[in-house]
Amino acid sequence: MRLALTLLRRKMPNGNIFIGKNRITPKIKEGHMAGLKKRLQQEEENMFYLRHPYLTLDQSWGHAKELGKHESWLQKKNMERQKYKPDVTIEERYKNLRNADVWD
């Protein structure tokens, strides 16, 4: 009985079983391989679209200007800036001290 238990016992690695040199690696299953194939196929499709863009460089040059994107972006930026208090310089902070400074 004791001999069978020792022979059939699975040898555990030294230290933590999840990290390090002697860790137990998970078994690769069919679902893992299917997910990997799907991710690789998606990556290949993305690379295809990057290699063959919809617009050429000449066509894409200046398209944002025609759509007015820069002006709308500037308008949004100005609206956000109006929400905050205006910038104050050091001279403006100490302006009252300079006016009260009188030499006799």
PDB file of N, CA and C in Angstrom:
ATOM      1  N   MET A   1       0.831  -1.187   0.000  1.00  0.00           N
ATOM      2  CA  MET A   1       0.000   0.000   0.000  1.00  0.00           C
ATOM      3  C   MET A   1       0.873   1.247   0.000  1.00  0.00           C
ATOM      4  N   ARG A   2       1.824   1.310   0.897  1.00  0.00           N
ATOM      5  CA  ARG A   2       2.682   2.492   0.958  1.00  0.00           C
ATOM      6  C   ARG A   2       3.549   2.606  -0.292  1.00  0.00           C
ATOM      7  N   LEU A   3       3.987   1.495  -0.815  1.00  0.00           N
ATOM      8  CA  LEU A   3       4.809   1.518  -2.019  1.00  0.00           C
ATOM      9  C   LEU A   3       4.000   2.025  -3.215  1.00  0.00           C
ATOM     10  N   ALA A   4       2.740   1.594  -3.318  1.00  0.00           N
ATOM     11  CA  ALA A   4       1.897   2.050  -4.426  1.00  0.00           C
ATOM     12  C   ALA A   4       1.622   3.546  -4.316  1.00  0.00           C
ATOM     13  N   LEU A   5       1.403   4.045  -3.111  1.00  0.00           N
ATOM     14  CA  LEU A   5       1.149   5.477  -2.931  1.00  0.00           C
ATOM     15  C   LEU A   5       2.375   6.301  -3.322  1.00  0.00           C
ATOM     16  N   THR A   6       3.538   5.827  -2.978  1.00  0.00           N
ATOM     17  CA  THR A   6       4.737   6.585  -3.333  1.00  0.00           C
ATOM     18  C   THR A   6       5.011   6.513  -4.827  1.00  0.00           C
ATOM     19  N   LEU A   7       4.735   5.381  -5.449  1.00  0.00           N
ATOM     20  CA  LEU A   7       5.001   5.259  -6.871  1.00  0.00           C
ATOM     21  C   LEU A   7       3.971   6.024  -7.709  1.00  0.00           C
ATOM     22  N   LEU A   8       2.743   6.050  -7.264  1.00  0.00           N
ATOM     23  CA  LEU A   8       1.686   6.718  -8.022  1.00  0.00           C
ATOM     24  C   LEU A   8       1.558   8.207  -7.698  1.00  0.00           C
ATOM     25  N   ARG A   9       2.260   8.651  -6.675  1.00  0.00           N
ATOM     26  CA  ARG A   9       2.190  10.050  -6.277  1.00  0.00           C
ATOM     27  C   ARG A   9       2.841  10.941  -7.339  1.00  0.00           C
ATOM     28  N   ARG A  10       2.190  12.058  -7.613  1.00  0.00           N
ATOM     29  CA  ARG A  10       2.739  12.988  -8.588  1.00  0.00           C
ATOM     30  C   ARG A  10       3.781  13.862  -7.895  1.00  0.00           C
ATOM     31  N   LYS A  11       4.934  14.008  -8.508  1.00  0.00           N
ATOM     32  CA  LYS A  11       6.017  14.803  -7.929  1.00  0.00           C
ATOM     33  C   LYS A  11       5.693  16.280  -8.105  1.00  0.00           C
ATOM     34  N   MET A  12       5.690  17.018  -7.017  1.00  0.00           N
ATOM     35  CA  MET A  12       5.417  18.447  -7.051  1.00  0.00           C
ATOM     36  C   MET A  12       6.738  19.209  -7.185  1.00  0.00           C
ATOM     37  N   PRO A  13       6.729  20.341  -7.882  1.00  0.00           N
ATOM     38  CA  PRO A  13       7.963  21.119  -8.029  1.00  0.00           C
ATOM     39  C   PRO A  13       8.335  21.819  -6.725  1.00  0.00           C
ATOM     40  N   ASN A  14       9.580  22.227  -6.647  1.00  0.00           N
ATOM     41  CA  ASN A  14      10.058  22.954  -5.482  1.00  0.00           C
ATOM     42  C   ASN A  14       9.497  24.368  -5.500  1.00  0.00           C
ATOM     43  N   GLY A  15       9.187  24.904  -4.349  1.00  0.00           N
ATOM     44  CA  GLY A  15       8.741  26.280  -4.233  1.00  0.00           C
ATOM     45  C   GLY A  15       7.298  26.476  -4.661  1.00  0.00           C
ATOM     46  N   ASN A  16       7.002  27.700  -5.064  1.00  0.00           N
ATOM     47  CA  ASN A  16       5.649  28.067  -5.472  1.00  0.00           C
ATOM     48  C   ASN A  16       5.340  27.408  -6.817  1.00  0.00           C
ATOM     49  N   ILE A  17       4.156  26.816  -6.938  1.00  0.00           N
ATOM     50  CA  ILE A  17       3.841  26.064  -8.159  1.00  0.00           C
ATOM     51  C   ILE A  17       3.372  26.967  -9.296  1.00  0.00           C
ATOM     52  N   PHE A  18       3.129  28.267  -9.034  1.00  0.00           N
ATOM     53  CA  PHE A  18       2.618  29.156 -10.058  1.00  0.00           C
ATOM     54  C   PHE A  18       3.678  30.073 -10.667  1.00  0.00           C
ATOM     55  N   ILE A  19       4.807  30.283  -9.968  1.00  0.00           N
ATOM     56  CA  ILE A  19       5.842  31.185 -10.475  1.00  0.00           C
ATOM     57  C   ILE A  19       7.199  30.509 -10.385  1.00  0.00           C
ATOM     58  N   GLY A  20       8.132  31.029 -11.142  1.00  0.00           N
ATOM     59  CA  GLY A  20       9.506  30.584 -11.018  1.00  0.00           C
ATOM     60  C   GLY A  20       9.894  29.540 -12.046  1.00  0.00           C
ATOM     61  N   LYS A  21      11.130  29.048 -11.864  1.00  0.00           N
ATOM     62  CA  LYS A  21      11.688  28.086 -12.814  1.00  0.00           C
ATOM     63  C   LYS A  21      10.962  26.746 -12.766  1.00  0.00           C
ATOM     64  N   ASN A  22      10.559  26.317 -11.594  1.00  0.00           N
ATOM     65  CA  ASN A  22       9.967  24.982 -11.423  1.00  0.00           C
ATOM     66  C   ASN A  22       8.448  25.036 -11.299  1.00  0.00           C
ATOM     67  N   ARG A  23       7.794  25.908 -12.046  1.00  0.00           N
ATOM     68  CA  ARG A  23       6.347  26.019 -11.932  1.00  0.00           C
ATOM     69  C   ARG A  23       5.645  24.928 -12.744  1.00  0.00           C
ATOM     70  N   ILE A  24       4.375  24.722 -12.418  1.00  0.00           N
ATOM     71  CA  ILE A  24       3.557  23.780 -13.171  1.00  0.00           C
ATOM     72  C   ILE A  24       2.880  24.576 -14.283  1.00  0.00           C
ATOM     73  N   THR A  25       3.138  24.215 -15.522  1.00  0.00           N
ATOM     74  CA  THR A  25       2.541  24.927 -16.649  1.00  0.00           C
ATOM     75  C   THR A  25       1.175  24.330 -16.965  1.00  0.00           C
ATOM     76  N   PRO A  26       0.204  25.158 -17.329  1.00  0.00           N
ATOM     77  CA  PRO A  26      -1.120  24.624 -17.655  1.00  0.00           C
ATOM     78  C   PRO A  26      -1.091  23.870 -18.974  1.00  0.00           C
ATOM     79  N   LYS A  27      -1.954  22.892 -19.083  1.00  0.00           N
ATOM     80  CA  LYS A  27      -2.053  22.112 -20.310  1.00  0.00           C
ATOM     81  C   LYS A  27      -2.772  22.920 -21.384  1.00  0.00           C
ATOM     82  N   ILE A  28      -2.310  22.827 -22.609  1.00  0.00           N
ATOM     83  CA  ILE A  28      -2.934  23.543 -23.720  1.00  0.00           C
ATOM     84  C   ILE A  28      -4.114  22.719 -24.220  1.00  0.00           C
ATOM     85  N   LYS A  29      -5.269  23.382 -24.307  1.00  0.00           N
ATOM     86  CA  LYS A  29      -6.482  22.687 -24.723  1.00  0.00           C
ATOM     87  C   LYS A  29      -6.918  23.185 -26.092  1.00  0.00           C
ATOM     88  N   GLU A  30      -7.930  22.538 -26.640  1.00  0.00           N
ATOM     89  CA  GLU A  30      -8.387  22.860 -27.983  1.00  0.00           C
ATOM     90  C   GLU A  30      -8.962  24.273 -28.058  1.00  0.00           C
ATOM     91  N   GLY A  31      -9.636  24.711 -27.014  1.00  0.00           N
ATOM     92  CA  GLY A  31     -10.196  26.059 -26.988  1.00  0.00           C
ATOM     93  C   GLY A  31      -9.113  27.126 -27.024  1.00  0.00           C
ATOM     94  N   HIS A  32      -7.989  26.846 -26.380  1.00  0.00           N
ATOM     95  CA  HIS A  32      -6.873  27.792 -26.410  1.00  0.00           C
ATOM     96  C   HIS A  32      -6.336  27.940 -27.828  1.00  0.00           C
ATOM     97  N   MET A  33      -6.209  26.834 -28.526  1.00  0.00           N
ATOM     98  CA  MET A  33      -5.689  26.878 -29.893  1.00  0.00           C
ATOM     99  C   MET A  33      -6.663  27.604 -30.820  1.00  0.00           C
ATOM    100  N   ALA A  34      -7.965  27.397 -30.609  1.00  0.00           N
ATOM    101  CA  ALA A  34      -8.965  28.072 -31.441  1.00  0.00           C
ATOM    102  C   ALA A  34      -8.920  29.581 -31.209  1.00  0.00           C
ATOM    103  N   GLY A  35      -8.783  29.991 -29.962  1.00  0.00           N
ATOM    104  CA  GLY A  35      -8.684  31.412 -29.661  1.00  0.00           C
ATOM    105  C   GLY A  35      -7.434  32.033 -30.250  1.00  0.00           C
ATOM    106  N   LEU A  36      -6.327  31.293 -30.207  1.00  0.00           N
ATOM    107  CA  LEU A  36      -5.080  31.790 -30.779  1.00  0.00           C
ATOM    108  C   LEU A  36      -5.206  31.961 -32.287  1.00  0.00           C
ATOM    109  N   LYS A  37      -5.828  30.980 -32.952  1.00  0.00           N
ATOM    110  CA  LYS A  37      -6.027  31.085 -34.396  1.00  0.00           C
ATOM    111  C   LYS A  37      -6.908  32.280 -34.750  1.00  0.00           C
ATOM    112  N   LYS A  38      -7.942  32.514 -33.942  1.00  0.00           N
ATOM    113  CA  LYS A  38      -8.845  33.628 -34.191  1.00  0.00           C
ATOM    114  C   LYS A  38      -8.121  34.958 -34.027  1.00  0.00           C
ATOM    115  N   ARG A  39      -7.300  35.083 -32.980  1.00  0.00           N
ATOM    116  CA  ARG A  39      -6.545  36.324 -32.766  1.00  0.00           C
ATOM    117  C   ARG A  39      -5.530  36.558 -33.870  1.00  0.00           C
ATOM    118  N   LEU A  40      -4.865  35.496 -34.339  1.00  0.00           N
ATOM    119  CA  LEU A  40      -3.896  35.643 -35.415  1.00  0.00           C
ATOM    120  C   LEU A  40      -4.569  36.038 -36.726  1.00  0.00           C
ATOM    121  N   GLN A  41      -5.744  35.477 -36.977  1.00  0.00           N
ATOM    122  CA  GLN A  41      -6.492  35.825 -38.180  1.00  0.00           C
ATOM    123  C   GLN A  41      -6.916  37.294 -38.142  1.00  0.00           C
ATOM    124  N   GLN A  42      -7.352  37.769 -36.989  1.00  0.00           N
ATOM    125  CA  GLN A  42      -7.732  39.179 -36.841  1.00  0.00           C
ATOM    126  C   GLN A  42      -6.523  40.088 -37.038  1.00  0.00           C
ATOM    127  N   GLU A  43      -5.387  39.691 -36.499  1.00  0.00           N
ATOM    128  CA  GLU A  43      -4.162  40.477 -36.659  1.00  0.00           C
ATOM    129  C   GLU A  43      -3.731  40.539 -38.124  1.00  0.00           C
ATOM    130  N   GLU A  44      -3.865  39.415 -38.818  1.00  0.00           N
ATOM    131  CA  GLU A  44      -3.522  39.385 -40.231  1.00  0.00           C
ATOM    132  C   GLU A  44      -4.443  40.298 -41.042  1.00  0.00           C
ATOM    133  N   GLU A  45      -5.719  40.304 -40.711  1.00  0.00           N
ATOM    134  CA  GLU A  45      -6.672  41.175 -41.395  1.00  0.00           C
ATOM    135  C   GLU A  45      -6.344  42.644 -41.138  1.00  0.00           C
ATOM    136  N   ASN A  46      -5.974  42.984 -39.895  1.00  0.00           N
ATOM    137  CA  ASN A  46      -5.590  44.353 -39.567  1.00  0.00           C
ATOM    138  C   ASN A  46      -4.354  44.774 -40.352  1.00  0.00           C
ATOM    139  N   MET A  47      -3.371  43.878 -40.462  1.00  0.00           N
ATOM    140  CA  MET A  47      -2.160  44.196 -41.211  1.00  0.00           C
ATOM    141  C   MET A  47      -2.473  44.390 -42.694  1.00  0.00           C
ATOM    142  N   PHE A  48      -3.418  43.628 -43.235  1.00  0.00           N
ATOM    143  CA  PHE A  48      -3.822  43.792 -44.630  1.00  0.00           C
ATOM    144  C   PHE A  48      -4.381  45.192 -44.856  1.00  0.00           C
ATOM    145  N   TYR A  49      -5.265  45.640 -43.939  1.00  0.00           N
ATOM    146  CA  TYR A  49      -5.859  46.966 -44.099  1.00  0.00           C
ATOM    147  C   TYR A  49      -4.829  48.070 -43.895  1.00  0.00           C
ATOM    148  N   LEU A  50      -3.827  47.823 -43.094  1.00  0.00           N
ATOM    149  CA  LEU A  50      -2.769  48.821 -42.939  1.00  0.00           C
ATOM    150  C   LEU A  50      -1.889  48.894 -44.192  1.00  0.00           C
ATOM    151  N   ARG A  51      -1.681  47.754 -44.836  1.00  0.00           N
ATOM    152  CA  ARG A  51      -0.866  47.745 -46.054  1.00  0.00           C
ATOM    153  C   ARG A  51      -1.608  48.343 -47.240  1.00  0.00           C
ATOM    154  N   HIS A  52      -2.929  48.190 -47.286  1.00  0.00           N
ATOM    155  CA  HIS A  52      -3.735  48.683 -48.403  1.00  0.00           C
ATOM    156  C   HIS A  52      -4.766  49.683 -47.881  1.00  0.00           C
ATOM    157  N   PRO A  53      -4.372  50.940 -47.666  1.00  0.00           N
ATOM    158  CA  PRO A  53      -5.309  51.917 -47.106  1.00  0.00           C
ATOM    159  C   PRO A  53      -6.393  52.296 -48.107  1.00  0.00           C
ATOM    160  N   TYR A  54      -7.485  52.814 -47.585  1.00  0.00           N
ATOM    161  CA  TYR A  54      -8.624  53.198 -48.410  1.00  0.00           C
ATOM    162  C   TYR A  54      -8.286  54.411 -49.270  1.00  0.00           C
ATOM    163  N   LEU A  55      -7.576  55.383 -48.690  1.00  0.00           N
ATOM    164  CA  LEU A  55      -7.182  56.583 -49.412  1.00  0.00           C
ATOM    165  C   LEU A  55      -5.680  56.566 -49.666  1.00  0.00           C
ATOM    166  N   THR A  56      -5.273  57.142 -50.791  1.00  0.00           N
ATOM    167  CA  THR A  56      -3.841  57.300 -51.042  1.00  0.00           C
ATOM    168  C   THR A  56      -3.336  58.482 -50.227  1.00  0.00           C
ATOM    169  N   LEU A  57      -2.019  58.677 -50.217  1.00  0.00           N
ATOM    170  CA  LEU A  57      -1.458  59.796 -49.459  1.00  0.00           C
ATOM    171  C   LEU A  57      -1.928  61.132 -50.016  1.00  0.00           C
ATOM    172  N   ASP A  58      -2.030  61.241 -51.343  1.00  0.00           N
ATOM    173  CA  ASP A  58      -2.496  62.494 -51.941  1.00  0.00           C
ATOM    174  C   ASP A  58      -3.950  62.774 -51.589  1.00  0.00           C
ATOM    175  N   GLN A  59      -4.770  61.739 -51.570  1.00  0.00           N
ATOM    176  CA  GLN A  59      -6.178  61.924 -51.238  1.00  0.00           C
ATOM    177  C   GLN A  59      -6.366  62.266 -49.767  1.00  0.00           C
ATOM    178  N   SER A  60      -5.556  61.670 -48.910  1.00  0.00           N
ATOM    179  CA  SER A  60      -5.732  61.898 -47.482  1.00  0.00           C
ATOM    180  C   SER A  60      -5.133  63.219 -47.026  1.00  0.00           C
ATOM    181  N   TRP A  61      -4.295  63.846 -47.852  1.00  0.00           N
ATOM    182  CA  TRP A  61      -3.667  65.098 -47.456  1.00  0.00           C
ATOM    183  C   TRP A  61      -4.700  66.225 -47.467  1.00  0.00           C
ATOM    184  N   GLY A  62      -4.929  66.839 -46.321  1.00  0.00           N
ATOM    185  CA  GLY A  62      -5.832  67.980 -46.235  1.00  0.00           C
ATOM    186  C   GLY A  62      -7.300  67.621 -46.096  1.00  0.00           C
ATOM    187  N   HIS A  63      -7.637  66.360 -45.878  1.00  0.00           N
ATOM    188  CA  HIS A  63      -9.059  66.020 -45.759  1.00  0.00           C
ATOM    189  C   HIS A  63      -9.667  66.577 -44.476  1.00  0.00           C
ATOM    190  N   ALA A  64      -8.851  66.687 -43.426  1.00  0.00           N
ATOM    191  CA  ALA A  64      -9.383  67.218 -42.167  1.00  0.00           C
ATOM    192  C   ALA A  64      -9.696  68.703 -42.301  1.00  0.00           C
ATOM    193  N   LYS A  65      -8.929  69.421 -43.131  1.00  0.00           N
ATOM    194  CA  LYS A  65      -9.184  70.842 -43.328  1.00  0.00           C
ATOM    195  C   LYS A  65     -10.523  71.045 -44.031  1.00  0.00           C
ATOM    196  N   GLU A  66     -10.829  70.191 -45.008  1.00  0.00           N
ATOM    197  CA  GLU A  66     -12.101  70.310 -45.719  1.00  0.00           C
ATOM    198  C   GLU A  66     -13.283  69.993 -44.806  1.00  0.00           C
ATOM    199  N   LEU A  67     -13.064  69.078 -43.863  1.00  0.00           N
ATOM    200  CA  LEU A  67     -14.142  68.740 -42.938  1.00  0.00           C
ATOM    201  C   LEU A  67     -14.257  69.739 -41.793  1.00  0.00           C
ATOM    202  N   GLY A  68     -13.276  70.629 -41.666  1.00  0.00           N
ATOM    203  CA  GLY A  68     -13.317  71.636 -40.609  1.00  0.00           C
ATOM    204  C   GLY A  68     -13.015  71.073 -39.238  1.00  0.00           C
ATOM    205  N   LYS A  69     -12.189  70.046 -39.185  1.00  0.00           N
ATOM    206  CA  LYS A  69     -11.920  69.401 -37.905  1.00  0.00           C
ATOM    207  C   LYS A  69     -11.066  70.279 -36.991  1.00  0.00           C
ATOM    208  N   HIS A  70     -10.091  70.997 -37.560  1.00  0.00           N
ATOM    209  CA  HIS A  70      -9.214  71.811 -36.721  1.00  0.00           C
ATOM    210  C   HIS A  70      -9.992  72.952 -36.075  1.00  0.00           C
ATOM    211  N   GLU A  71     -10.871  73.579 -36.842  1.00  0.00           N
ATOM    212  CA  GLU A  71     -11.656  74.682 -36.292  1.00  0.00           C
ATOM    213  C   GLU A  71     -12.591  74.197 -35.194  1.00  0.00           C
ATOM    214  N   SER A  72     -13.210  73.042 -35.413  1.00  0.00           N
ATOM    215  CA  SER A  72     -14.108  72.519 -34.378  1.00  0.00           C
ATOM    216  C   SER A  72     -13.316  72.131 -33.130  1.00  0.00           C
ATOM    217  N   TRP A  73     -12.103  71.630 -33.324  1.00  0.00           N
ATOM    218  CA  TRP A  73     -11.265  71.275 -32.177  1.00  0.00           C
ATOM    219  C   TRP A  73     -10.880  72.529 -31.404  1.00  0.00           C
ATOM    220  N   LEU A  74     -10.515  73.607 -32.117  1.00  0.00           N
ATOM    221  CA  LEU A  74     -10.177  74.857 -31.447  1.00  0.00           C
ATOM    222  C   LEU A  74     -11.370  75.419 -30.692  1.00  0.00           C
ATOM    223  N   GLN A  75     -12.553  75.289 -31.280  1.00  0.00           N
ATOM    224  CA  GLN A  75     -13.762  75.778 -30.619  1.00  0.00           C
ATOM    225  C   GLN A  75     -14.022  75.007 -29.326  1.00  0.00           C
ATOM    226  N   LYS A  76     -13.858  73.688 -29.370  1.00  0.00           N
ATOM    227  CA  LYS A  76     -14.032  72.874 -28.160  1.00  0.00           C
ATOM    228  C   LYS A  76     -13.019  73.248 -27.099  1.00  0.00           C
ATOM    229  N   LYS A  77     -11.763  73.473 -27.527  1.00  0.00           N
ATOM    230  CA  LYS A  77     -10.706  73.836 -26.582  1.00  0.00           C
ATOM    231  C   LYS A  77     -11.024  75.159 -25.900  1.00  0.00           C
ATOM    232  N   ASN A  78     -11.517  76.132 -26.672  1.00  0.00           N
ATOM    233  CA  ASN A  78     -11.865  77.431 -26.093  1.00  0.00           C
ATOM    234  C   ASN A  78     -13.024  77.306 -25.117  1.00  0.00           C
ATOM    235  N   MET A  79     -13.988  76.456 -25.426  1.00  0.00           N
ATOM    236  CA  MET A  79     -15.114  76.246 -24.513  1.00  0.00           C
ATOM    237  C   MET A  79     -14.637  75.622 -23.206  1.00  0.00           C
ATOM    238  N   GLU A  80     -13.710  74.667 -23.297  1.00  0.00           N
ATOM    239  CA  GLU A  80     -13.175  74.055 -22.079  1.00  0.00           C
ATOM    240  C   GLU A  80     -12.369  75.064 -21.277  1.00  0.00           C
ATOM    241  N   ARG A  81     -11.633  75.909 -21.969  1.00  0.00           N
ATOM    242  CA  ARG A  81     -10.790  76.890 -21.281  1.00  0.00           C
ATOM    243  C   ARG A  81     -11.650  77.924 -20.549  1.00  0.00           C
ATOM    244  N   GLN A  82     -12.833  78.226 -21.058  1.00  0.00           N
ATOM    245  CA  GLN A  82     -13.709  79.190 -20.410  1.00  0.00           C
ATOM    246  C   GLN A  82     -14.272  78.662 -19.098  1.00  0.00           C
ATOM    247  N   LYS A  83     -14.299  77.365 -18.934  1.00  0.00           N
ATOM    248  CA  LYS A  83     -14.808  76.781 -17.691  1.00  0.00           C
ATOM    249  C   LYS A  83     -13.868  77.047 -16.517  1.00  0.00           C
ATOM    250  N   TYR A  84     -12.581  77.204 -16.792  1.00  0.00           N
ATOM    251  CA  TYR A  84     -11.591  77.385 -15.741  1.00  0.00           C
ATOM    252  C   TYR A  84     -11.336  78.868 -15.493  1.00  0.00           C
ATOM    253  N   LYS A  85     -10.723  79.149 -14.357  1.00  0.00           N
ATOM    254  CA  LYS A  85     -10.345  80.518 -14.045  1.00  0.00           C
ATOM    255  C   LYS A  85      -9.200  80.940 -14.949  1.00  0.00           C
ATOM    256  N   PRO A  86      -9.082  82.227 -15.235  1.00  0.00           N
ATOM    257  CA  PRO A  86      -7.993  82.679 -16.114  1.00  0.00           C
ATOM    258  C   PRO A  86      -6.635  82.535 -15.431  1.00  0.00           C
ATOM    259  N   ASP A  87      -5.597  82.460 -16.242  1.00  0.00           N
ATOM    260  CA  ASP A  87      -4.252  82.343 -15.712  1.00  0.00           C
ATOM    261  C   ASP A  87      -3.867  83.639 -15.005  1.00  0.00           C
ATOM    262  N   VAL A  88      -3.180  83.494 -13.876  1.00  0.00           N
ATOM    263  CA  VAL A  88      -2.770  84.649 -13.084  1.00  0.00           C
ATOM    264  C   VAL A  88      -1.253  84.615 -12.967  1.00  0.00           C
ATOM    265  N   THR A  89      -0.604  85.744 -13.267  1.00  0.00           N
ATOM    266  CA  THR A  89       0.851  85.817 -13.178  1.00  0.00           C
ATOM    267  C   THR A  89       1.269  86.279 -11.790  1.00  0.00           C
ATOM    268  N   ILE A  90       2.553  86.192 -11.516  1.00  0.00           N
ATOM    269  CA  ILE A  90       3.075  86.612 -10.217  1.00  0.00           C
ATOM    270  C   ILE A  90       2.936  88.118 -10.054  1.00  0.00           C
ATOM    271  N   GLU A  91       3.145  88.855 -11.152  1.00  0.00           N
ATOM    272  CA  GLU A  91       3.013  90.311 -11.080  1.00  0.00           C
ATOM    273  C   GLU A  91       1.604  90.716 -10.676  1.00  0.00           C
ATOM    274  N   GLU A  92       0.613  90.010 -11.209  1.00  0.00           N
ATOM    275  CA  GLU A  92      -0.771  90.322 -10.834  1.00  0.00           C
ATOM    276  C   GLU A  92      -1.045  89.981  -9.373  1.00  0.00           C
ATOM    277  N   ARG A  93      -0.418  88.946  -8.869  1.00  0.00           N
ATOM    278  CA  ARG A  93      -0.615  88.561  -7.469  1.00  0.00           C
ATOM    279  C   ARG A  93      -0.088  89.640  -6.520  1.00  0.00           C
ATOM    280  N   TYR A  94       1.103  90.153  -6.825  1.00  0.00           N
ATOM    281  CA  TYR A  94       1.758  91.100  -5.927  1.00  0.00           C
ATOM    282  C   TYR A  94       1.576  92.549  -6.356  1.00  0.00           C
ATOM    283  N   LYS A  95       0.596  92.827  -7.219  1.00  0.00           N
ATOM    284  CA  LYS A  95       0.330  94.166  -7.711  1.00  0.00           C
ATOM    285  C   LYS A  95      -0.053  95.101  -6.564  1.00  0.00           C
ATOM    286  N   ASN A  96      -0.840  94.636  -5.619  1.00  0.00           N
ATOM    287  CA  ASN A  96      -1.271  95.488  -4.507  1.00  0.00           C
ATOM    288  C   ASN A  96      -0.105  95.849  -3.591  1.00  0.00           C
ATOM    289  N   LEU A  97       0.882  95.005  -3.481  1.00  0.00           N
ATOM    290  CA  LEU A  97       2.037  95.344  -2.655  1.00  0.00           C
ATOM    291  C   LEU A  97       2.854  96.459  -3.295  1.00  0.00           C
ATOM    292  N   ARG A  98       2.966  96.434  -4.603  1.00  0.00           N
ATOM    293  CA  ARG A  98       3.745  97.452  -5.305  1.00  0.00           C
ATOM    294  C   ARG A  98       3.074  98.821  -5.177  1.00  0.00           C
ATOM    295  N   ASN A  99       1.752  98.875  -5.228  1.00  0.00           N
ATOM    296  CA  ASN A  99       1.058 100.153  -5.125  1.00  0.00           C
ATOM    297  C   ASN A  99       1.141 100.713  -3.704  1.00  0.00           C
ATOM    298  N   ALA A 100       1.176  99.868  -2.712  1.00  0.00           N
ATOM    299  CA  ALA A 100       1.230 100.333  -1.324  1.00  0.00           C
ATOM    300  C   ALA A 100       2.649 100.672  -0.896  1.00  0.00           C
ATOM    301  N   ASP A 101       3.624 100.403  -1.743  1.00  0.00           N
ATOM    302  CA  ASP A 101       5.011 100.640  -1.393  1.00  0.00           C
ATOM    303  C   ASP A 101       5.336 102.126  -1.613  1.00  0.00           C
ATOM    304  N   VAL A 102       5.447 102.883  -0.527  1.00  0.00           N
ATOM    305  CA  VAL A 102       5.724 104.316  -0.617  1.00  0.00           C
ATOM    306  C   VAL A 102       7.031 104.603   0.114  1.00  0.00           C
ATOM    307  N   TRP A 103       7.921 105.351  -0.544  1.00  0.00           N
ATOM    308  CA  TRP A 103       9.199 105.733   0.070  1.00  0.00           C
ATOM    309  C   TRP A 103       9.115 107.185   0.533  1.00  0.00           C
ATOM    310  N   ASP A 104       9.542 107.417   1.740  1.00  0.00           N
ATOM    311  CA  ASP A 104       9.509 108.787   2.270  1.00  0.00           C
ATOM    312  C   ASP A 104      10.818 109.480   2.058  1.00  0.00           C
TER     313      ASP A 104
END
